[in-house]
Amino acid sequence: MAYNWRKITLYGGIGAVAAALIMLAFLGTAFEEVVMVPIVELESTSSGSLAITVISDTSDTKVTQLQITITKLEVQPLNEGVREVEIPGGTASFDLLQRQGTFLEAVIGELESGSTVKMQVVQGIQFTNATINNQDVVDVVLPNATIEFKTPMVIEGRVYIVRGDA
């Protein structure tokens, strides 16, 4: 059986050109600018406060609104047992950073300092989200669907900056 070297060379060359074009197509997308969407996390701390952690690629990232929806609210006043607070309509939504006049403020305003408040938070961007710099709305990461804090509510803010070139 004789090999047709002309056909082998032709088909090999076509295959090499096709492989080079495919690699160039993938390599071209690697140089596009990547824009990082800030990540916002809300969690309870061991000191009894709430922590909002923002992971971003710029230092000027600020959470301007933190909208949460809760389905369950429990309070434990000092030297008393835990009691569940009825939520009208079964759910309550409010901005955690601007609590004045909200259902939550009415409940915790009656508690003495050091009382414990526990909330069951609905996850998903349509229920629990953060507004960044008054424009972008992002999902809030909740390590646990329940957040707990002691009164008066203290919110700690942390920003971690991640650079793409690091």
N, C-alpha and C. Protein backbone atom coordinates (compact mmCIF):
# COMPACT_ATOMS: atom_id res chain seq x y z
N MET A 1 0.84 -1.16 0.00
CA MET A 1 0.00 0.00 0.00
C MET A 1 0.90 1.23 0.00
N ALA A 2 0.64 2.08 -0.93
CA ALA A 2 1.45 3.28 -1.06
C ALA A 2 0.73 4.47 -0.44
N TYR A 3 1.50 5.27 0.24
CA TYR A 3 0.94 6.48 0.85
C TYR A 3 1.01 7.62 -0.15
N ASN A 4 -0.05 8.43 -0.15
CA ASN A 4 -0.06 9.61 -1.00
C ASN A 4 0.42 10.77 -0.14
N TRP A 5 1.71 11.04 -0.21
CA TRP A 5 2.32 12.06 0.64
C TRP A 5 1.77 13.45 0.37
N ARG A 6 1.35 13.69 -0.83
CA ARG A 6 0.78 14.99 -1.16
C ARG A 6 -0.52 15.21 -0.37
N LYS A 7 -1.42 14.19 -0.29
CA LYS A 7 -2.67 14.30 0.46
C LYS A 7 -2.40 14.38 1.96
N ILE A 8 -1.45 13.61 2.46
CA ILE A 8 -1.12 13.64 3.89
C ILE A 8 -0.63 15.02 4.27
N THR A 9 0.22 15.62 3.46
CA THR A 9 0.74 16.96 3.74
C THR A 9 -0.37 17.99 3.67
N LEU A 10 -1.24 17.89 2.67
CA LEU A 10 -2.34 18.83 2.51
C LEU A 10 -3.30 18.77 3.69
N TYR A 11 -3.75 17.56 4.05
CA TYR A 11 -4.69 17.41 5.18
C TYR A 11 -4.04 17.77 6.52
N GLY A 12 -2.79 17.45 6.67
CA GLY A 12 -2.07 17.83 7.91
C GLY A 12 -1.96 19.33 8.03
N GLY A 13 -1.68 20.00 6.93
CA GLY A 13 -1.59 21.47 6.93
C GLY A 13 -2.93 22.11 7.25
N ILE A 14 -4.00 21.59 6.66
CA ILE A 14 -5.34 22.11 6.93
C ILE A 14 -5.69 21.92 8.41
N GLY A 15 -5.35 20.76 8.96
CA GLY A 15 -5.60 20.49 10.39
C GLY A 15 -4.83 21.43 11.29
N ALA A 16 -3.57 21.71 10.93
CA ALA A 16 -2.75 22.62 11.75
C ALA A 16 -3.31 24.04 11.70
N VAL A 17 -3.74 24.49 10.53
CA VAL A 17 -4.32 25.83 10.40
C VAL A 17 -5.62 25.91 11.20
N ALA A 18 -6.46 24.88 11.14
CA ALA A 18 -7.72 24.88 11.90
C ALA A 18 -7.44 24.92 13.40
N ALA A 19 -6.47 24.14 13.86
CA ALA A 19 -6.11 24.13 15.28
C ALA A 19 -5.59 25.50 15.72
N ALA A 20 -4.78 26.13 14.88
CA ALA A 20 -4.25 27.46 15.21
C ALA A 20 -5.37 28.49 15.29
N LEU A 21 -6.35 28.42 14.38
CA LEU A 21 -7.47 29.36 14.42
C LEU A 21 -8.33 29.17 15.67
N ILE A 22 -8.54 27.93 16.06
CA ILE A 22 -9.32 27.65 17.28
C ILE A 22 -8.59 28.20 18.50
N MET A 23 -7.28 27.98 18.57
CA MET A 23 -6.50 28.50 19.71
C MET A 23 -6.51 30.02 19.74
N LEU A 24 -6.42 30.67 18.59
CA LEU A 24 -6.47 32.13 18.55
C LEU A 24 -7.83 32.65 19.01
N ALA A 25 -8.89 31.94 18.67
CA ALA A 25 -10.22 32.37 19.10
C ALA A 25 -10.33 32.34 20.62
N PHE A 26 -9.82 31.28 21.25
CA PHE A 26 -9.86 31.20 22.72
C PHE A 26 -8.89 32.19 23.35
N LEU A 27 -7.74 32.39 22.76
CA LEU A 27 -6.75 33.30 23.30
C LEU A 27 -7.26 34.74 23.24
N GLY A 28 -8.01 35.08 22.19
CA GLY A 28 -8.55 36.43 22.06
C GLY A 28 -9.52 36.78 23.18
N THR A 29 -10.31 35.81 23.64
CA THR A 29 -11.25 36.08 24.73
C THR A 29 -10.55 36.21 26.07
N ALA A 30 -9.34 35.70 26.19
CA ALA A 30 -8.62 35.77 27.46
C ALA A 30 -8.16 37.18 27.78
N PHE A 31 -8.07 38.05 26.77
CA PHE A 31 -7.59 39.40 27.00
C PHE A 31 -8.69 40.43 27.18
N GLU A 32 -9.95 39.98 27.25
CA GLU A 32 -11.05 40.90 27.50
C GLU A 32 -11.00 41.36 28.95
N GLU A 33 -11.46 42.57 29.18
CA GLU A 33 -11.48 43.12 30.54
C GLU A 33 -12.55 42.41 31.37
N VAL A 34 -12.16 42.02 32.56
CA VAL A 34 -13.08 41.35 33.47
C VAL A 34 -13.53 42.37 34.52
N VAL A 35 -14.84 42.53 34.66
CA VAL A 35 -15.40 43.45 35.65
C VAL A 35 -15.93 42.62 36.80
N MET A 36 -15.45 42.92 37.99
CA MET A 36 -15.87 42.15 39.17
C MET A 36 -17.13 42.76 39.76
N VAL A 37 -18.12 41.93 39.97
CA VAL A 37 -19.34 42.35 40.66
C VAL A 37 -19.07 42.23 42.15
N PRO A 38 -19.30 43.28 42.92
CA PRO A 38 -19.05 43.18 44.36
C PRO A 38 -19.87 42.07 45.01
N ILE A 39 -19.29 41.45 46.01
CA ILE A 39 -19.96 40.40 46.77
C ILE A 39 -20.26 40.97 48.15
N VAL A 40 -21.50 40.84 48.60
CA VAL A 40 -21.91 41.33 49.91
C VAL A 40 -22.35 40.14 50.75
N GLU A 41 -21.80 40.07 51.96
CA GLU A 41 -22.14 38.98 52.87
C GLU A 41 -22.65 39.56 54.18
N LEU A 42 -23.72 38.99 54.71
CA LEU A 42 -24.30 39.42 55.98
C LEU A 42 -24.27 38.24 56.93
N GLU A 43 -23.67 38.45 58.11
CA GLU A 43 -23.59 37.35 59.07
C GLU A 43 -23.57 37.90 60.50
N SER A 44 -23.91 37.01 61.43
CA SER A 44 -23.85 37.33 62.85
C SER A 44 -22.42 37.14 63.33
N THR A 45 -22.01 37.96 64.30
CA THR A 45 -20.67 37.82 64.86
C THR A 45 -20.77 37.24 66.27
N SER A 46 -19.66 36.79 66.79
CA SER A 46 -19.64 36.23 68.14
C SER A 46 -19.86 37.30 69.21
N SER A 47 -19.65 38.57 68.86
CA SER A 47 -19.84 39.65 69.83
C SER A 47 -21.29 40.12 69.92
N GLY A 48 -22.18 39.52 69.11
CA GLY A 48 -23.59 39.89 69.15
C GLY A 48 -23.99 40.99 68.20
N SER A 49 -23.09 41.34 67.27
CA SER A 49 -23.44 42.37 66.28
C SER A 49 -23.63 41.69 64.92
N LEU A 50 -23.93 42.48 63.92
CA LEU A 50 -24.05 41.98 62.55
C LEU A 50 -22.87 42.53 61.76
N ALA A 51 -22.37 41.74 60.84
CA ALA A 51 -21.24 42.16 60.01
C ALA A 51 -21.65 42.14 58.55
N ILE A 52 -21.41 43.25 57.87
CA ILE A 52 -21.60 43.33 56.43
C ILE A 52 -20.20 43.33 55.82
N THR A 53 -19.90 42.31 55.05
CA THR A 53 -18.60 42.20 54.41
C THR A 53 -18.78 42.42 52.92
N VAL A 54 -17.99 43.33 52.36
CA VAL A 54 -18.04 43.62 50.93
C VAL A 54 -16.70 43.22 50.32
N ILE A 55 -16.75 42.41 49.28
CA ILE A 55 -15.55 42.04 48.55
C ILE A 55 -15.66 42.70 47.19
N SER A 56 -14.70 43.56 46.87
CA SER A 56 -14.79 44.36 45.66
C SER A 56 -13.39 44.58 45.10
N ASP A 57 -13.34 45.13 43.88
CA ASP A 57 -12.04 45.44 43.29
C ASP A 57 -11.69 46.92 43.42
N THR A 58 -12.55 47.71 44.08
CA THR A 58 -12.25 49.12 44.31
C THR A 58 -12.50 49.48 45.77
N SER A 59 -11.80 50.47 46.26
CA SER A 59 -11.93 50.85 47.67
C SER A 59 -13.14 51.74 47.93
N ASP A 60 -13.76 52.30 46.89
CA ASP A 60 -14.89 53.21 47.10
C ASP A 60 -16.24 52.50 47.05
N THR A 61 -16.26 51.18 47.15
CA THR A 61 -17.51 50.43 47.15
C THR A 61 -18.19 50.59 48.49
N LYS A 62 -19.45 51.02 48.45
CA LYS A 62 -20.20 51.26 49.68
C LYS A 62 -21.62 50.70 49.54
N VAL A 63 -22.06 49.98 50.56
CA VAL A 63 -23.43 49.49 50.58
C VAL A 63 -24.32 50.64 51.03
N THR A 64 -25.22 51.07 50.15
CA THR A 64 -26.10 52.20 50.49
C THR A 64 -27.48 51.75 50.94
N GLN A 65 -27.83 50.50 50.62
CA GLN A 65 -29.12 49.95 51.05
C GLN A 65 -28.95 48.45 51.21
N LEU A 66 -29.55 47.89 52.26
CA LEU A 66 -29.49 46.45 52.51
C LEU A 66 -30.91 45.97 52.77
N GLN A 67 -31.57 45.58 51.70
CA GLN A 67 -32.97 45.15 51.76
C GLN A 67 -33.04 43.69 52.17
N ILE A 68 -33.76 43.38 53.26
CA ILE A 68 -33.94 41.99 53.65
C ILE A 68 -35.42 41.69 53.84
N THR A 69 -35.76 40.44 53.67
CA THR A 69 -37.12 39.96 53.90
C THR A 69 -37.03 38.85 54.93
N ILE A 70 -37.86 38.95 55.97
CA ILE A 70 -37.84 37.94 57.02
C ILE A 70 -39.20 37.25 57.09
N THR A 71 -39.16 35.98 57.53
CA THR A 71 -40.39 35.21 57.68
C THR A 71 -40.63 34.82 59.13
N LYS A 72 -39.63 34.98 59.96
CA LYS A 72 -39.77 34.61 61.37
C LYS A 72 -38.90 35.55 62.20
N LEU A 73 -39.46 35.97 63.34
CA LEU A 73 -38.74 36.87 64.24
C LEU A 73 -38.95 36.39 65.67
N GLU A 74 -37.84 36.13 66.35
CA GLU A 74 -37.89 35.72 67.75
C GLU A 74 -37.08 36.71 68.58
N VAL A 75 -37.58 37.01 69.76
CA VAL A 75 -36.85 37.88 70.68
C VAL A 75 -36.71 37.16 72.02
N GLN A 76 -35.62 37.49 72.69
CA GLN A 76 -35.40 36.96 74.03
C GLN A 76 -34.96 38.12 74.91
N PRO A 77 -35.93 38.74 75.60
CA PRO A 77 -35.56 39.82 76.51
C PRO A 77 -34.67 39.27 77.63
N LEU A 78 -33.92 40.15 78.26
CA LEU A 78 -33.04 39.73 79.35
C LEU A 78 -33.83 39.01 80.43
N ASN A 79 -33.28 37.92 80.93
CA ASN A 79 -33.86 37.12 82.02
C ASN A 79 -35.25 36.57 81.70
N GLU A 80 -35.57 36.38 80.42
CA GLU A 80 -36.85 35.81 80.01
C GLU A 80 -36.60 34.76 78.94
N GLY A 81 -37.64 34.01 78.61
CA GLY A 81 -37.54 33.00 77.58
C GLY A 81 -37.73 33.58 76.19
N VAL A 82 -37.50 32.74 75.20
CA VAL A 82 -37.65 33.15 73.80
C VAL A 82 -39.13 33.21 73.46
N ARG A 83 -39.51 34.26 72.73
CA ARG A 83 -40.90 34.35 72.26
C ARG A 83 -40.89 34.77 70.79
N GLU A 84 -41.82 34.21 70.06
CA GLU A 84 -41.93 34.54 68.64
C GLU A 84 -42.84 35.75 68.48
N VAL A 85 -42.41 36.67 67.63
CA VAL A 85 -43.18 37.87 67.34
C VAL A 85 -43.93 37.63 66.04
N GLU A 86 -45.24 37.86 66.06
CA GLU A 86 -46.05 37.67 64.86
C GLU A 86 -45.73 38.75 63.85
N ILE A 87 -45.51 38.32 62.60
CA ILE A 87 -45.23 39.25 61.51
C ILE A 87 -46.52 39.41 60.71
N PRO A 88 -47.06 40.62 60.64
CA PRO A 88 -48.29 40.83 59.87
C PRO A 88 -48.09 40.43 58.41
N GLY A 89 -48.95 39.57 57.92
CA GLY A 89 -48.84 39.12 56.53
C GLY A 89 -47.85 37.98 56.35
N GLY A 90 -47.16 37.55 57.37
CA GLY A 90 -46.23 36.43 57.28
C GLY A 90 -44.81 36.78 56.88
N THR A 91 -44.61 37.92 56.21
CA THR A 91 -43.26 38.37 55.85
C THR A 91 -43.16 39.87 56.08
N ALA A 92 -41.95 40.31 56.30
CA ALA A 92 -41.68 41.75 56.44
C ALA A 92 -40.40 42.06 55.67
N SER A 93 -40.43 43.11 54.87
CA SER A 93 -39.25 43.56 54.13
C SER A 93 -38.89 44.96 54.58
N PHE A 94 -37.59 45.20 54.72
CA PHE A 94 -37.14 46.52 55.15
C PHE A 94 -35.66 46.67 54.84
N ASP A 95 -35.20 47.93 54.86
CA ASP A 95 -33.79 48.25 54.68
C ASP A 95 -33.13 48.14 56.05
N LEU A 96 -32.22 47.23 56.20
CA LEU A 96 -31.57 47.00 57.49
C LEU A 96 -30.72 48.19 57.92
N LEU A 97 -30.26 49.00 56.97
CA LEU A 97 -29.44 50.16 57.31
C LEU A 97 -30.28 51.37 57.72
N GLN A 98 -31.51 51.46 57.24
CA GLN A 98 -32.42 52.56 57.55
C GLN A 98 -33.66 51.99 58.21
N ARG A 99 -33.58 51.69 59.48
CA ARG A 99 -34.66 50.97 60.16
C ARG A 99 -35.75 51.88 60.71
N GLN A 100 -35.59 53.17 60.68
CA GLN A 100 -36.56 54.07 61.28
C GLN A 100 -37.94 53.84 60.67
N GLY A 101 -38.92 53.64 61.56
CA GLY A 101 -40.30 53.49 61.13
C GLY A 101 -40.64 52.11 60.59
N THR A 102 -39.73 51.15 60.70
CA THR A 102 -40.01 49.81 60.17
C THR A 102 -40.58 48.91 61.27
N PHE A 103 -41.09 47.78 60.84
CA PHE A 103 -41.60 46.77 61.75
C PHE A 103 -40.51 46.33 62.73
N LEU A 104 -39.31 46.11 62.24
CA LEU A 104 -38.21 45.65 63.10
C LEU A 104 -37.88 46.69 64.16
N GLU A 105 -37.82 47.95 63.78
CA GLU A 105 -37.49 49.01 64.75
C GLU A 105 -38.55 49.08 65.84
N ALA A 106 -39.81 48.87 65.49
CA ALA A 106 -40.87 48.89 66.50
C ALA A 106 -40.69 47.76 67.51
N VAL A 107 -40.26 46.60 67.03
CA VAL A 107 -40.08 45.45 67.92
C VAL A 107 -38.85 45.62 68.81
N ILE A 108 -37.70 45.95 68.23
CA ILE A 108 -36.48 46.01 69.04
C ILE A 108 -36.41 47.28 69.88
N GLY A 109 -37.21 48.28 69.51
CA GLY A 109 -37.22 49.50 70.31
C GLY A 109 -37.78 49.29 71.71
N GLU A 110 -38.59 48.25 71.88
CA GLU A 110 -39.20 47.94 73.17
C GLU A 110 -38.29 47.09 74.06
N LEU A 111 -37.23 46.54 73.51
CA LEU A 111 -36.36 45.63 74.26
C LEU A 111 -35.26 46.39 74.97
N GLU A 112 -34.88 45.88 76.14
CA GLU A 112 -33.78 46.51 76.85
C GLU A 112 -32.46 46.04 76.25
N SER A 113 -31.41 46.82 76.47
CA SER A 113 -30.10 46.54 75.92
C SER A 113 -29.60 45.17 76.36
N GLY A 114 -29.06 44.42 75.42
CA GLY A 114 -28.55 43.09 75.71
C GLY A 114 -29.51 41.98 75.37
N SER A 115 -30.74 42.32 74.97
CA SER A 115 -31.71 41.30 74.56
C SER A 115 -31.28 40.70 73.23
N THR A 116 -31.71 39.48 72.96
CA THR A 116 -31.32 38.78 71.73
C THR A 116 -32.48 38.80 70.73
N VAL A 117 -32.15 39.07 69.47
CA VAL A 117 -33.12 39.06 68.38
C VAL A 117 -32.62 38.08 67.33
N LYS A 118 -33.51 37.21 66.87
CA LYS A 118 -33.16 36.21 65.85
C LYS A 118 -34.17 36.32 64.71
N MET A 119 -33.66 36.42 63.47
CA MET A 119 -34.52 36.56 62.30
C MET A 119 -34.24 35.46 61.28
N GLN A 120 -35.30 34.91 60.71
CA GLN A 120 -35.19 33.95 59.61
C GLN A 120 -35.28 34.75 58.33
N VAL A 121 -34.21 34.77 57.54
CA VAL A 121 -34.12 35.62 56.35
C VAL A 121 -34.38 34.79 55.09
N VAL A 122 -35.19 35.35 54.19
CA VAL A 122 -35.47 34.71 52.90
C VAL A 122 -34.31 35.02 51.97
N GLN A 123 -33.73 33.97 51.38
CA GLN A 123 -32.60 34.16 50.49
C GLN A 123 -33.05 34.31 49.05
N GLY A 124 -32.23 34.94 48.25
CA GLY A 124 -32.54 35.18 46.84
C GLY A 124 -32.54 36.67 46.58
N ILE A 125 -32.02 37.08 45.43
CA ILE A 125 -31.84 38.51 45.14
C ILE A 125 -33.15 39.28 45.13
N GLN A 126 -34.28 38.64 44.82
CA GLN A 126 -35.55 39.36 44.81
C GLN A 126 -36.04 39.65 46.23
N PHE A 127 -35.51 38.94 47.24
CA PHE A 127 -35.94 39.14 48.63
C PHE A 127 -34.88 39.82 49.50
N THR A 128 -33.64 39.45 49.30
CA THR A 128 -32.55 39.97 50.12
C THR A 128 -31.45 40.42 49.18
N ASN A 129 -31.22 41.75 49.13
CA ASN A 129 -30.23 42.29 48.21
C ASN A 129 -29.60 43.55 48.76
N ALA A 130 -28.49 43.94 48.16
CA ALA A 130 -27.77 45.14 48.57
C ALA A 130 -27.62 46.06 47.38
N THR A 131 -27.76 47.36 47.63
CA THR A 131 -27.51 48.36 46.60
C THR A 131 -26.12 48.93 46.84
N ILE A 132 -25.30 48.88 45.81
CA ILE A 132 -23.92 49.34 45.90
C ILE A 132 -23.81 50.73 45.25
N ASN A 133 -23.28 51.69 46.00
CA ASN A 133 -23.05 53.05 45.50
C ASN A 133 -24.29 53.64 44.83
N ASN A 134 -25.47 53.37 45.39
CA ASN A 134 -26.74 53.89 44.90
C ASN A 134 -27.08 53.49 43.47
N GLN A 135 -26.49 52.39 42.95
CA GLN A 135 -26.83 52.03 41.58
C GLN A 135 -26.97 50.53 41.35
N ASP A 136 -25.97 49.74 41.63
CA ASP A 136 -26.00 48.32 41.31
C ASP A 136 -26.65 47.52 42.44
N VAL A 137 -27.57 46.62 42.09
CA VAL A 137 -28.22 45.75 43.07
C VAL A 137 -27.59 44.37 42.94
N VAL A 138 -27.07 43.85 44.06
CA VAL A 138 -26.42 42.54 44.05
C VAL A 138 -27.06 41.65 45.11
N ASP A 139 -26.89 40.36 44.93
CA ASP A 139 -27.40 39.37 45.88
C ASP A 139 -26.57 39.45 47.17
N VAL A 140 -27.19 39.12 48.28
CA VAL A 140 -26.51 39.08 49.57
C VAL A 140 -26.27 37.62 49.94
N VAL A 141 -25.03 37.32 50.25
CA VAL A 141 -24.67 35.96 50.66
C VAL A 141 -24.93 35.84 52.16
N LEU A 142 -25.69 34.83 52.53
CA LEU A 142 -25.99 34.56 53.93
C LEU A 142 -25.45 33.17 54.27
N PRO A 143 -24.36 33.09 55.07
CA PRO A 143 -23.84 31.76 55.42
C PRO A 143 -24.90 30.91 56.13
N ASN A 144 -25.80 31.58 56.81
CA ASN A 144 -26.87 30.89 57.53
C ASN A 144 -28.13 31.71 57.29
N ALA A 145 -29.26 31.07 57.05
CA ALA A 145 -30.51 31.80 56.78
C ALA A 145 -31.04 32.51 58.02
N THR A 146 -30.44 32.26 59.17
CA THR A 146 -30.85 32.91 60.41
C THR A 146 -29.74 33.87 60.85
N ILE A 147 -30.12 35.11 61.12
CA ILE A 147 -29.15 36.05 61.69
C ILE A 147 -29.62 36.42 63.09
N GLU A 148 -28.64 36.62 63.96
CA GLU A 148 -28.94 36.88 65.36
C GLU A 148 -28.05 38.03 65.84
N PHE A 149 -28.64 38.90 66.65
CA PHE A 149 -27.87 40.01 67.20
C PHE A 149 -28.42 40.39 68.56
N LYS A 150 -27.65 41.17 69.29
CA LYS A 150 -28.08 41.67 70.59
C LYS A 150 -28.42 43.15 70.43
N THR A 151 -29.42 43.60 71.21
CA THR A 151 -29.81 45.01 71.16
C THR A 151 -28.86 45.83 72.01
N PRO A 152 -28.61 47.06 71.64
CA PRO A 152 -29.01 47.72 70.40
C PRO A 152 -28.23 47.14 69.22
N MET A 153 -28.85 47.17 68.04
CA MET A 153 -28.24 46.57 66.86
C MET A 153 -26.99 47.36 66.46
N VAL A 154 -25.89 46.64 66.31
CA VAL A 154 -24.64 47.24 65.84
C VAL A 154 -24.27 46.53 64.54
N ILE A 155 -24.00 47.32 63.51
CA ILE A 155 -23.61 46.75 62.22
C ILE A 155 -22.18 47.15 61.93
N GLU A 156 -21.33 46.15 61.81
CA GLU A 156 -19.92 46.38 61.48
C GLU A 156 -19.76 46.28 59.97
N GLY A 157 -19.01 47.17 59.40
CA GLY A 157 -18.76 47.12 57.96
C GLY A 157 -17.32 46.81 57.66
N ARG A 158 -17.11 45.87 56.74
CA ARG A 158 -15.76 45.51 56.33
C ARG A 158 -15.71 45.49 54.81
N VAL A 159 -14.62 46.02 54.25
CA VAL A 159 -14.44 45.98 52.81
C VAL A 159 -13.11 45.30 52.53
N TYR A 160 -13.14 44.29 51.69
CA TYR A 160 -11.94 43.61 51.25
C TYR A 160 -11.76 43.93 49.78
N ILE A 161 -10.57 44.38 49.41
CA ILE A 161 -10.30 44.76 48.03
C ILE A 161 -9.51 43.65 47.36
N VAL A 162 -10.03 43.19 46.24
CA VAL A 162 -9.39 42.13 45.46
C VAL A 162 -8.96 42.74 44.14
N ARG A 163 -7.70 42.65 43.83
CA ARG A 163 -7.18 43.18 42.57
C ARG A 163 -6.96 42.03 41.60
N GLY A 164 -7.31 42.26 40.35
CA GLY A 164 -7.13 41.23 39.35
C GLY A 164 -5.68 40.94 39.03
N ASP A 165 -4.78 41.90 39.28
CA ASP A 165 -3.37 41.71 38.94
C ASP A 165 -2.56 41.17 40.10
N ALA A 166 -3.21 40.87 41.24
CA ALA A 166 -2.46 40.40 42.40
C ALA A 166 -2.10 38.94 42.28
